[in-house]
Amino acid sequence: MLRGNQSRMTEFFLLGLTSDPKEQGWLFASFLTMYLVNVAGNSVIIAAIRGDARLHTPMYFFLSNLSLVDICFTSVIVPRMLASMLSQNKKVPFAQCLTQMYFFVAFGITDSFLLAAMALDRYTAICHPLHYTTTMSPQRCLLLVMSSWVLSHLHSLAHTILMARLSFCGPNIIHHFFCDVQPLLTLSCSDTSVNELLAFTEGSFVIMSPFILIIVSYVFITRAVLRVPSGGGRYKVFSTCGSHLTVVALFYGTIIFVYIRPSSTYSVTKDRVVTVIYTVVTPMLNPFIYSLRNKDMKQALKKLIRRAE
């Protein structure tokens, strides 16, 4: 089926963020800087957690996996975009476009599942501290992470197979900076109702289920925190969740805006700006969000720096 589609449309043109040559320079520098900060920052987080035995806990196990996924998530998009800016070659073969879409969706959904696992960890630690060790055992944490990876890749595979069955015989210009689901659907000259139904139903379920789990977890966490008698005690308990809540708000706020709505409301300019936030900006900010207000992470980073010296 893929071969049949390619006889009609063998490549697409990714327009990128702008077609103005004057803006290419500062955009290239900006995205290169953000990408390098993302890779370096998340790599340091992973190294610090692996190198400090005090951080070998479920929360930091999930955080190290989140950092790895953030590196992969951005690496699917930014290097290809930077190469296109340098070479001015905006062509992308159909197979490469589908491959980029597959890994983008897979890593994005893995991010969502891992954020839900972290919320579950905080809920268990705060609401059921006596059962925390047994509930969040290493085996269960590993199972949660493996399930996140497997389910997200199955979800992405379903989207990719359905996209490969579509015919692309009209315009081949993608008004985006990478191959995403919605921009590709708008270019198809065949019936996309099945793809849109999958995206709106199963896609909404995959995105919203972890989000609902996070919301429910924090409702119970808030109830438990309010029972703590002292204000200082409440702040100490809830401060362990502040970083996670910030990342959840950035990630889900932008993703729900882009994906949980009909394709008829798709806006090229608005969606490109919002997409930059959750594909590039949020993964870059995560290491800072999780380390700046975390004493354990600060100590682990200092230990890592001393070891490097």
C-alpha atoms as a PDB file:
ATOM      1  CA  MET A   1       0.000   0.000   0.000  1.00  0.00           C
ATOM      2  CA  LEU A   2       2.824   2.359   0.802  1.00  0.00           C
ATOM      3  CA  ARG A   3       4.384   1.742  -2.604  1.00  0.00           C
ATOM      4  CA  GLY A   4       1.097   2.648  -4.296  1.00  0.00           C
ATOM      5  CA  ASN A   5       0.910   5.928  -2.432  1.00  0.00           C
ATOM      6  CA  GLN A   6       4.469   6.815  -3.314  1.00  0.00           C
ATOM      7  CA  SER A   7       3.756   6.461  -7.065  1.00  0.00           C
ATOM      8  CA  ARG A   8       1.425   9.442  -6.644  1.00  0.00           C
ATOM      9  CA  MET A   9       3.309  11.444  -4.036  1.00  0.00           C
ATOM     10  CA  THR A  10       6.954  10.625  -3.358  1.00  0.00           C
ATOM     11  CA  GLU A  11       7.873  13.650  -1.265  1.00  0.00           C
ATOM     12  CA  PHE A  12       6.565  16.615   0.699  1.00  0.00           C
ATOM     13  CA  PHE A  13       7.839  20.149   1.205  1.00  0.00           C
ATOM     14  CA  LEU A  14       8.123  21.293   4.815  1.00  0.00           C
ATOM     15  CA  LEU A  15       7.788  25.072   4.829  1.00  0.00           C
ATOM     16  CA  GLY A  16       9.171  25.378   8.362  1.00  0.00           C
ATOM     17  CA  LEU A  17       8.446  28.233  10.730  1.00  0.00           C
ATOM     18  CA  THR A  18       9.045  30.992   8.197  1.00  0.00           C
ATOM     19  CA  SER A  19       9.935  31.508   4.557  1.00  0.00           C
ATOM     20  CA  ASP A  20      11.647  34.849   5.226  1.00  0.00           C
ATOM     21  CA  PRO A  21      15.452  34.430   4.718  1.00  0.00           C
ATOM     22  CA  LYS A  22      16.121  37.303   7.146  1.00  0.00           C
ATOM     23  CA  GLU A  23      14.528  35.346   9.998  1.00  0.00           C
ATOM     24  CA  GLN A  24      16.306  32.069   9.247  1.00  0.00           C
ATOM     25  CA  GLY A  25      19.526  33.139  10.991  1.00  0.00           C
ATOM     26  CA  TRP A  26      18.148  33.978  14.412  1.00  0.00           C
ATOM     27  CA  LEU A  27      15.688  31.055  14.270  1.00  0.00           C
ATOM     28  CA  PHE A  28      18.546  28.655  13.532  1.00  0.00           C
ATOM     29  CA  ALA A  29      20.617  30.036  16.417  1.00  0.00           C
ATOM     30  CA  SER A  30      17.634  29.976  18.790  1.00  0.00           C
ATOM     31  CA  PHE A  31      16.598  26.400  18.029  1.00  0.00           C
ATOM     32  CA  LEU A  32      20.178  25.124  18.034  1.00  0.00           C
ATOM     33  CA  THR A  33      20.720  26.696  21.469  1.00  0.00           C
ATOM     34  CA  MET A  34      17.466  25.296  22.868  1.00  0.00           C
ATOM     35  CA  TYR A  35      18.243  21.841  21.467  1.00  0.00           C
ATOM     36  CA  LEU A  36      21.764  21.786  22.938  1.00  0.00           C
ATOM     37  CA  VAL A  37      20.444  23.002  26.312  1.00  0.00           C
ATOM     38  CA  ASN A  38      17.773  20.290  26.189  1.00  0.00           C
ATOM     39  CA  VAL A  39      20.224  17.462  25.417  1.00  0.00           C
ATOM     40  CA  ALA A  40      22.852  18.696  27.886  1.00  0.00           C
ATOM     41  CA  GLY A  41      20.388  19.453  30.689  1.00  0.00           C
ATOM     42  CA  ASN A  42      18.459  16.201  30.462  1.00  0.00           C
ATOM     43  CA  SER A  43      21.692  14.192  30.094  1.00  0.00           C
ATOM     44  CA  VAL A  44      23.011  15.802  33.277  1.00  0.00           C
ATOM     45  CA  ILE A  45      19.769  14.913  35.086  1.00  0.00           C
ATOM     46  CA  ILE A  46      20.106  11.264  34.004  1.00  0.00           C
ATOM     47  CA  ALA A  47      23.795  11.148  35.011  1.00  0.00           C
ATOM     48  CA  ALA A  48      23.119  12.797  38.391  1.00  0.00           C
ATOM     49  CA  ILE A  49      20.329  10.337  39.227  1.00  0.00           C
ATOM     50  CA  ARG A  50      22.396   7.318  38.175  1.00  0.00           C
ATOM     51  CA  GLY A  51      25.411   8.550  40.128  1.00  0.00           C
ATOM     52  CA  ASP A  52      23.713   9.233  43.471  1.00  0.00           C
ATOM     53  CA  ALA A  53      22.358   6.260  45.434  1.00  0.00           C
ATOM     54  CA  ARG A  54      20.005   8.559  47.392  1.00  0.00           C
ATOM     55  CA  LEU A  55      18.111   9.247  44.163  1.00  0.00           C
ATOM     56  CA  HIS A  56      17.514   5.592  43.356  1.00  0.00           C
ATOM     57  CA  THR A  57      13.836   5.961  44.234  1.00  0.00           C
ATOM     58  CA  PRO A  58      10.668   5.601  42.112  1.00  0.00           C
ATOM     59  CA  MET A  59      10.229   9.361  41.649  1.00  0.00           C
ATOM     60  CA  TYR A  60      13.728   9.843  40.244  1.00  0.00           C
ATOM     61  CA  PHE A  61      13.512   6.617  38.248  1.00  0.00           C
ATOM     62  CA  PHE A  62      10.500   8.084  36.434  1.00  0.00           C
ATOM     63  CA  LEU A  63      12.267  11.451  36.112  1.00  0.00           C
ATOM     64  CA  SER A  64      15.337   9.883  34.477  1.00  0.00           C
ATOM     65  CA  ASN A  65      13.077   8.111  31.980  1.00  0.00           C
ATOM     66  CA  LEU A  66      11.212  11.367  31.320  1.00  0.00           C
ATOM     67  CA  SER A  67      14.539  13.094  30.623  1.00  0.00           C
ATOM     68  CA  LEU A  68      15.509  10.343  28.167  1.00  0.00           C
ATOM     69  CA  VAL A  69      12.169  10.618  26.361  1.00  0.00           C
ATOM     70  CA  ASP A  70      12.498  14.420  26.213  1.00  0.00           C
ATOM     71  CA  ILE A  71      15.860  14.072  24.451  1.00  0.00           C
ATOM     72  CA  CYS A  72      14.386  11.589  21.953  1.00  0.00           C
ATOM     73  CA  PHE A  73      11.212  13.660  21.504  1.00  0.00           C
ATOM     74  CA  THR A  74      13.089  16.803  20.476  1.00  0.00           C
ATOM     75  CA  SER A  75      15.730  14.888  18.474  1.00  0.00           C
ATOM     76  CA  VAL A  76      13.003  13.582  16.175  1.00  0.00           C
ATOM     77  CA  ILE A  77      12.218  17.166  15.080  1.00  0.00           C
ATOM     78  CA  VAL A  78      14.954  19.750  15.657  1.00  0.00           C
ATOM     79  CA  PRO A  79      18.039  18.264  13.881  1.00  0.00           C
ATOM     80  CA  ARG A  80      16.011  17.726  10.691  1.00  0.00           C
ATOM     81  CA  MET A  81      14.658  21.288  10.918  1.00  0.00           C
ATOM     82  CA  LEU A  82      18.137  22.769  11.496  1.00  0.00           C
ATOM     83  CA  ALA A  83      19.566  20.825   8.543  1.00  0.00           C
ATOM     84  CA  SER A  84      16.747  22.136   6.363  1.00  0.00           C
ATOM     85  CA  MET A  85      17.500  25.718   7.421  1.00  0.00           C
ATOM     86  CA  LEU A  86      21.187  25.313   6.533  1.00  0.00           C
ATOM     87  CA  SER A  87      20.736  23.557   3.205  1.00  0.00           C
ATOM     88  CA  GLN A  88      17.484  25.312   2.227  1.00  0.00           C
ATOM     89  CA  ASN A  89      16.312  21.834   1.151  1.00  0.00           C
ATOM     90  CA  LYS A  90      12.733  21.551   2.306  1.00  0.00           C
ATOM     91  CA  LYS A  91      12.023  18.239   0.587  1.00  0.00           C
ATOM     92  CA  VAL A  92      11.228  15.208   2.736  1.00  0.00           C
ATOM     93  CA  PRO A  93      10.480  11.774   1.226  1.00  0.00           C
ATOM     94  CA  PHE A  94       7.099  10.246   2.019  1.00  0.00           C
ATOM     95  CA  ALA A  95       8.631   7.336   3.966  1.00  0.00           C
ATOM     96  CA  GLN A  96      10.813   9.679   6.038  1.00  0.00           C
ATOM     97  CA  CYS A  97       7.797  11.853   6.774  1.00  0.00           C
ATOM     98  CA  LEU A  98       5.844   8.845   8.083  1.00  0.00           C
ATOM     99  CA  THR A  99       8.854   7.736  10.143  1.00  0.00           C
ATOM    100  CA  GLN A 100       9.171  11.162  11.748  1.00  0.00           C
ATOM    101  CA  MET A 101       5.443  11.197  12.500  1.00  0.00           C
ATOM    102  CA  TYR A 102       5.643   7.714  14.051  1.00  0.00           C
ATOM    103  CA  PHE A 103       8.425   8.556  16.495  1.00  0.00           C
ATOM    104  CA  PHE A 104       7.018  12.002  17.275  1.00  0.00           C
ATOM    105  CA  VAL A 105       3.656  10.525  18.307  1.00  0.00           C
ATOM    106  CA  ALA A 106       5.283   7.611  20.161  1.00  0.00           C
ATOM    107  CA  PHE A 107       7.612   9.776  22.276  1.00  0.00           C
ATOM    108  CA  GLY A 108       4.885  12.361  22.900  1.00  0.00           C
ATOM    109  CA  ILE A 109       2.495   9.755  24.292  1.00  0.00           C
ATOM    110  CA  THR A 110       5.308   8.141  26.334  1.00  0.00           C
ATOM    111  CA  ASP A 111       5.884  11.565  27.916  1.00  0.00           C
ATOM    112  CA  SER A 112       2.186  11.692  28.815  1.00  0.00           C
ATOM    113  CA  PHE A 113       2.209   8.237  30.428  1.00  0.00           C
ATOM    114  CA  LEU A 114       5.363   8.961  32.417  1.00  0.00           C
ATOM    115  CA  LEU A 115       3.867  12.183  33.809  1.00  0.00           C
ATOM    116  CA  ALA A 116       0.871  10.108  34.944  1.00  0.00           C
ATOM    117  CA  ALA A 117       3.186   7.538  36.570  1.00  0.00           C
ATOM    118  CA  MET A 118       4.931  10.358  38.454  1.00  0.00           C
ATOM    119  CA  ALA A 119       1.564  11.646  39.690  1.00  0.00           C
ATOM    120  CA  LEU A 120       0.687   8.143  40.875  1.00  0.00           C
ATOM    121  CA  ASP A 121       4.019   7.987  42.703  1.00  0.00           C
ATOM    122  CA  ARG A 122       3.340  11.293  44.495  1.00  0.00           C
ATOM    123  CA  TYR A 123      -0.201  10.183  45.379  1.00  0.00           C
ATOM    124  CA  THR A 124       1.073   6.948  46.933  1.00  0.00           C
ATOM    125  CA  ALA A 125       3.906   8.687  48.806  1.00  0.00           C
ATOM    126  CA  ILE A 126       1.655  11.378  50.317  1.00  0.00           C
ATOM    127  CA  CYS A 127      -1.695   9.605  50.748  1.00  0.00           C
ATOM    128  CA  HIS A 128      -0.467   6.074  51.564  1.00  0.00           C
ATOM    129  CA  PRO A 129       3.071   6.477  52.949  1.00  0.00           C
ATOM    130  CA  LEU A 130       2.981   3.217  54.939  1.00  0.00           C
ATOM    131  CA  HIS A 131       2.308   1.219  51.761  1.00  0.00           C
ATOM    132  CA  TYR A 132       4.640   3.235  49.537  1.00  0.00           C
ATOM    133  CA  THR A 133       7.558   0.804  49.518  1.00  0.00           C
ATOM    134  CA  THR A 134       5.434  -2.192  48.598  1.00  0.00           C
ATOM    135  CA  THR A 135       3.112  -0.368  46.174  1.00  0.00           C
ATOM    136  CA  MET A 136       5.896   1.377  44.266  1.00  0.00           C
ATOM    137  CA  SER A 137       8.292  -1.558  44.225  1.00  0.00           C
ATOM    138  CA  PRO A 138      11.121  -1.629  41.638  1.00  0.00           C
ATOM    139  CA  GLN A 139       9.258  -4.312  39.680  1.00  0.00           C
ATOM    140  CA  ARG A 140       6.057  -2.245  39.472  1.00  0.00           C
ATOM    141  CA  CYS A 141       7.955   0.913  38.541  1.00  0.00           C
ATOM    142  CA  LEU A 142       9.724  -0.967  35.752  1.00  0.00           C
ATOM    143  CA  LEU A 143       6.374  -2.373  34.600  1.00  0.00           C
ATOM    144  CA  LEU A 144       4.861   1.127  34.505  1.00  0.00           C
ATOM    145  CA  VAL A 145       7.753   2.435  32.400  1.00  0.00           C
ATOM    146  CA  MET A 146       7.734  -0.546  30.024  1.00  0.00           C
ATOM    147  CA  SER A 147       3.958  -0.270  29.620  1.00  0.00           C
ATOM    148  CA  SER A 148       4.335   3.435  28.808  1.00  0.00           C
ATOM    149  CA  TRP A 149       6.796   2.678  26.018  1.00  0.00           C
ATOM    150  CA  VAL A 150       4.871  -0.270  24.569  1.00  0.00           C
ATOM    151  CA  LEU A 151       1.403   1.336  24.597  1.00  0.00           C
ATOM    152  CA  SER A 152       2.668   4.578  23.083  1.00  0.00           C
ATOM    153  CA  HIS A 153       4.403   2.769  20.229  1.00  0.00           C
ATOM    154  CA  LEU A 154       1.301   0.657  19.527  1.00  0.00           C
ATOM    155  CA  HIS A 155      -0.785   3.842  19.456  1.00  0.00           C
ATOM    156  CA  SER A 156       1.660   5.489  17.069  1.00  0.00           C
ATOM    157  CA  LEU A 157       1.818   2.392  14.865  1.00  0.00           C
ATOM    158  CA  ALA A 158      -1.971   2.475  14.404  1.00  0.00           C
ATOM    159  CA  HIS A 159      -1.828   6.114  13.261  1.00  0.00           C
ATOM    160  CA  THR A 160       1.103   5.446  10.930  1.00  0.00           C
ATOM    161  CA  ILE A 161      -0.513   2.415   9.252  1.00  0.00           C
ATOM    162  CA  LEU A 162      -3.730   4.333   8.635  1.00  0.00           C
ATOM    163  CA  MET A 163      -1.777   7.327   7.301  1.00  0.00           C
ATOM    164  CA  ALA A 164       0.196   5.062   4.932  1.00  0.00           C
ATOM    165  CA  ARG A 165      -3.089   3.826   3.416  1.00  0.00           C
ATOM    166  CA  LEU A 166      -4.142   7.339   2.378  1.00  0.00           C
ATOM    167  CA  SER A 167      -3.623   8.792  -1.092  1.00  0.00           C
ATOM    168  CA  PHE A 168      -1.733  12.058  -1.506  1.00  0.00           C
ATOM    169  CA  CYS A 169      -2.285  13.338  -5.029  1.00  0.00           C
ATOM    170  CA  GLY A 170      -2.838  17.067  -4.602  1.00  0.00           C
ATOM    171  CA  PRO A 171      -0.622  19.790  -3.063  1.00  0.00           C
ATOM    172  CA  ASN A 172       2.439  18.442  -1.251  1.00  0.00           C
ATOM    173  CA  ILE A 173       3.340  21.530   0.802  1.00  0.00           C
ATOM    174  CA  ILE A 174       3.172  21.027   4.587  1.00  0.00           C
ATOM    175  CA  HIS A 175       2.666  24.306   6.441  1.00  0.00           C
ATOM    176  CA  HIS A 176       4.605  23.082   9.460  1.00  0.00           C
ATOM    177  CA  PHE A 177       8.177  22.452  10.598  1.00  0.00           C
ATOM    178  CA  PHE A 178       7.774  18.670  10.909  1.00  0.00           C
ATOM    179  CA  CYS A 179       5.457  15.876   9.769  1.00  0.00           C
ATOM    180  CA  ASP A 180       2.539  15.902  12.185  1.00  0.00           C
ATOM    181  CA  VAL A 181      -0.785  14.076  11.925  1.00  0.00           C
ATOM    182  CA  GLN A 182      -3.143  17.012  11.281  1.00  0.00           C
ATOM    183  CA  PRO A 183      -1.081  18.769   8.568  1.00  0.00           C
ATOM    184  CA  LEU A 184      -0.757  15.467   6.674  1.00  0.00           C
ATOM    185  CA  LEU A 185      -4.480  14.746   6.905  1.00  0.00           C
ATOM    186  CA  THR A 186      -5.285  18.125   5.352  1.00  0.00           C
ATOM    187  CA  LEU A 187      -3.182  17.182   2.271  1.00  0.00           C
ATOM    188  CA  SER A 188      -4.805  13.804   1.632  1.00  0.00           C
ATOM    189  CA  CYS A 189      -7.118  13.464  -1.380  1.00  0.00           C
ATOM    190  CA  SER A 190      -8.804  10.326   0.005  1.00  0.00           C
ATOM    191  CA  ASP A 191     -11.345   9.826   2.783  1.00  0.00           C
ATOM    192  CA  THR A 192      -9.702  10.636   6.133  1.00  0.00           C
ATOM    193  CA  SER A 193     -12.766  10.011   8.309  1.00  0.00           C
ATOM    194  CA  VAL A 194     -11.273   6.841   9.844  1.00  0.00           C
ATOM    195  CA  ASN A 195      -8.029   8.664  10.677  1.00  0.00           C
ATOM    196  CA  GLU A 196      -9.906  11.573  12.207  1.00  0.00           C
ATOM    197  CA  LEU A 197     -12.166   9.245  14.165  1.00  0.00           C
ATOM    198  CA  LEU A 198      -9.121   7.411  15.550  1.00  0.00           C
ATOM    199  CA  ALA A 199      -7.383  10.674  16.400  1.00  0.00           C
ATOM    200  CA  PHE A 200     -10.424  12.134  18.150  1.00  0.00           C
ATOM    201  CA  THR A 201     -11.562   8.975  20.016  1.00  0.00           C
ATOM    202  CA  GLU A 202      -8.628   6.671  20.704  1.00  0.00           C
ATOM    203  CA  GLY A 203      -6.211   9.619  20.510  1.00  0.00           C
ATOM    204  CA  SER A 204      -8.262  11.609  22.996  1.00  0.00           C
ATOM    205  CA  PHE A 205      -8.453   8.566  25.268  1.00  0.00           C
ATOM    206  CA  VAL A 206      -4.683   8.038  25.199  1.00  0.00           C
ATOM    207  CA  ILE A 207      -3.993  11.711  25.933  1.00  0.00           C
ATOM    208  CA  MET A 208      -6.839  12.408  28.362  1.00  0.00           C
ATOM    209  CA  SER A 209      -6.675   9.202  30.445  1.00  0.00           C
ATOM    210  CA  PRO A 210      -3.237  10.048  31.914  1.00  0.00           C
ATOM    211  CA  PHE A 211      -4.364  13.661  32.330  1.00  0.00           C
ATOM    212  CA  ILE A 212      -7.484  12.610  34.254  1.00  0.00           C
ATOM    213  CA  LEU A 213      -5.370  10.262  36.400  1.00  0.00           C
ATOM    214  CA  ILE A 214      -3.077  13.192  37.220  1.00  0.00           C
ATOM    215  CA  ILE A 215      -6.021  15.446  38.125  1.00  0.00           C
ATOM    216  CA  VAL A 216      -7.626  12.780  40.350  1.00  0.00           C
ATOM    217  CA  SER A 217      -4.271  12.074  42.035  1.00  0.00           C
ATOM    218  CA  TYR A 218      -3.805  15.743  42.878  1.00  0.00           C
ATOM    219  CA  VAL A 219      -7.344  16.070  44.200  1.00  0.00           C
ATOM    220  CA  PHE A 220      -6.540  13.363  46.770  1.00  0.00           C
ATOM    221  CA  ILE A 221      -3.075  14.855  47.390  1.00  0.00           C
ATOM    222  CA  THR A 222      -4.617  18.274  48.068  1.00  0.00           C
ATOM    223  CA  ARG A 223      -7.115  16.746  50.513  1.00  0.00           C
ATOM    224  CA  ALA A 224      -4.276  14.968  52.327  1.00  0.00           C
ATOM    225  CA  VAL A 225      -2.120  18.111  52.450  1.00  0.00           C
ATOM    226  CA  LEU A 226      -4.965  20.224  53.876  1.00  0.00           C
ATOM    227  CA  ARG A 227      -5.202  17.788  56.793  1.00  0.00           C
ATOM    228  CA  VAL A 228      -1.610  18.600  57.813  1.00  0.00           C
ATOM    229  CA  PRO A 229      -1.943  20.886  60.888  1.00  0.00           C
ATOM    230  CA  SER A 230       0.953  23.298  60.349  1.00  0.00           C
ATOM    231  CA  GLY A 231       1.385  25.636  57.403  1.00  0.00           C
ATOM    232  CA  GLY A 232       5.068  24.765  57.169  1.00  0.00           C
ATOM    233  CA  GLY A 233       4.219  21.081  57.031  1.00  0.00           C
ATOM    234  CA  ARG A 234       1.680  21.626  54.260  1.00  0.00           C
ATOM    235  CA  TYR A 235       4.199  23.614  52.224  1.00  0.00           C
ATOM    236  CA  LYS A 236       6.887  20.951  52.680  1.00  0.00           C
ATOM    237  CA  VAL A 237       4.573  18.159  51.528  1.00  0.00           C
ATOM    238  CA  PHE A 238       3.130  20.021  48.571  1.00  0.00           C
ATOM    239  CA  SER A 239       6.488  21.477  47.450  1.00  0.00           C
ATOM    240  CA  THR A 240       7.505  18.001  46.259  1.00  0.00           C
ATOM    241  CA  CYS A 241       4.707  18.243  43.661  1.00  0.00           C
ATOM    242  CA  GLY A 242       5.297  21.796  42.428  1.00  0.00           C
ATOM    243  CA  SER A 243       7.793  20.914  39.694  1.00  0.00           C
ATOM    244  CA  HIS A 244       5.642  18.096  38.382  1.00  0.00           C
ATOM    245  CA  LEU A 245       2.525  20.302  38.270  1.00  0.00           C
ATOM    246  CA  THR A 246       4.404  22.985  36.321  1.00  0.00           C
ATOM    247  CA  VAL A 247       5.527  20.486  33.664  1.00  0.00           C
ATOM    248  CA  VAL A 248       2.025  18.956  33.471  1.00  0.00           C
ATOM    249  CA  ALA A 249       0.467  22.395  32.913  1.00  0.00           C
ATOM    250  CA  LEU A 250       2.930  23.274  30.120  1.00  0.00           C
ATOM    251  CA  PHE A 251       2.723  19.886  28.406  1.00  0.00           C
ATOM    252  CA  TYR A 252      -1.002  19.189  28.560  1.00  0.00           C
ATOM    253  CA  GLY A 253      -2.118  22.774  28.091  1.00  0.00           C
ATOM    254  CA  THR A 254      -0.432  22.955  24.676  1.00  0.00           C
ATOM    255  CA  ILE A 255      -1.156  19.375  23.569  1.00  0.00           C
ATOM    256  CA  ILE A 256      -4.895  19.565  24.344  1.00  0.00           C
ATOM    257  CA  PHE A 257      -5.111  22.857  22.431  1.00  0.00           C
ATOM    258  CA  VAL A 258      -3.541  21.308  19.317  1.00  0.00           C
ATOM    259  CA  TYR A 259      -4.991  17.790  19.238  1.00  0.00           C
ATOM    260  CA  ILE A 260      -8.258  17.498  21.159  1.00  0.00           C
ATOM    261  CA  ARG A 261     -10.424  19.295  18.624  1.00  0.00           C
ATOM    262  CA  PRO A 262     -11.829  18.705  15.109  1.00  0.00           C
ATOM    263  CA  SER A 263      -9.449  19.164  12.155  1.00  0.00           C
ATOM    264  CA  SER A 264     -11.805  21.822  10.743  1.00  0.00           C
ATOM    265  CA  THR A 265     -10.552  24.205  13.450  1.00  0.00           C
ATOM    266  CA  TYR A 266      -6.909  23.602  12.547  1.00  0.00           C
ATOM    267  CA  SER A 267      -4.933  26.880  12.333  1.00  0.00           C
ATOM    268  CA  VAL A 268      -1.479  26.819  10.740  1.00  0.00           C
ATOM    269  CA  THR A 269       0.041  29.852  12.462  1.00  0.00           C
ATOM    270  CA  LYS A 270      -1.398  29.305  15.956  1.00  0.00           C
ATOM    271  CA  ASP A 271      -0.659  25.573  15.976  1.00  0.00           C
ATOM    272  CA  ARG A 272       2.951  26.044  14.878  1.00  0.00           C
ATOM    273  CA  VAL A 273       3.609  28.483  17.728  1.00  0.00           C
ATOM    274  CA  VAL A 274       1.924  26.264  20.329  1.00  0.00           C
ATOM    275  CA  THR A 275       3.677  23.165  18.975  1.00  0.00           C
ATOM    276  CA  VAL A 276       7.078  24.819  19.469  1.00  0.00           C
ATOM    277  CA  ILE A 277       6.261  25.137  23.176  1.00  0.00           C
ATOM    278  CA  TYR A 278       5.653  21.440  23.860  1.00  0.00           C
ATOM    279  CA  THR A 279       8.171  20.025  21.360  1.00  0.00           C
ATOM    280  CA  VAL A 280      11.149  22.286  22.093  1.00  0.00           C
ATOM    281  CA  VAL A 281      10.601  24.738  24.965  1.00  0.00           C
ATOM    282  CA  THR A 282       9.063  22.414  27.585  1.00  0.00           C
ATOM    283  CA  PRO A 283      11.681  19.608  27.184  1.00  0.00           C
ATOM    284  CA  MET A 284      14.392  22.280  27.481  1.00  0.00           C
ATOM    285  CA  LEU A 285      12.852  23.726  30.667  1.00  0.00           C
ATOM    286  CA  ASN A 286      12.225  20.382  32.399  1.00  0.00           C
ATOM    287  CA  PRO A 287      15.771  19.976  33.818  1.00  0.00           C
ATOM    288  CA  PHE A 288      15.610  23.478  35.320  1.00  0.00           C
ATOM    289  CA  ILE A 289      12.079  23.014  36.673  1.00  0.00           C
ATOM    290  CA  TYR A 290      12.986  19.738  38.386  1.00  0.00           C
ATOM    291  CA  SER A 291      16.364  20.820  39.758  1.00  0.00           C
ATOM    292  CA  LEU A 292      16.174  24.471  40.817  1.00  0.00           C
ATOM    293  CA  ARG A 293      13.783  23.895  43.764  1.00  0.00           C
ATOM    294  CA  ASN A 294      14.873  20.343  44.585  1.00  0.00           C
ATOM    295  CA  LYS A 295      17.523  20.030  47.314  1.00  0.00           C
ATOM    296  CA  ASP A 296      18.271  16.374  46.530  1.00  0.00           C
ATOM    297  CA  MET A 297      18.819  17.149  42.850  1.00  0.00           C
ATOM    298  CA  LYS A 298      21.029  20.136  43.698  1.00  0.00           C
ATOM    299  CA  GLN A 299      23.211  17.966  45.928  1.00  0.00           C
ATOM    300  CA  ALA A 300      23.396  15.266  43.269  1.00  0.00           C
ATOM    301  CA  LEU A 301      24.415  17.836  40.644  1.00  0.00           C
ATOM    302  CA  LYS A 302      27.134  19.241  42.925  1.00  0.00           C
ATOM    303  CA  LYS A 303      28.369  15.690  43.502  1.00  0.00           C
ATOM    304  CA  LEU A 304      28.429  15.086  39.747  1.00  0.00           C
ATOM    305  CA  ILE A 305      30.382  18.320  39.142  1.00  0.00           C
ATOM    306  CA  ARG A 306      32.951  17.450  41.834  1.00  0.00           C
ATOM    307  CA  ARG A 307      33.381  14.009  40.301  1.00  0.00           C
ATOM    308  CA  ALA A 308      33.903  15.541  36.839  1.00  0.00           C
ATOM    309  CA  GLU A 309      36.602  17.844  38.201  1.00  0.00           C
END
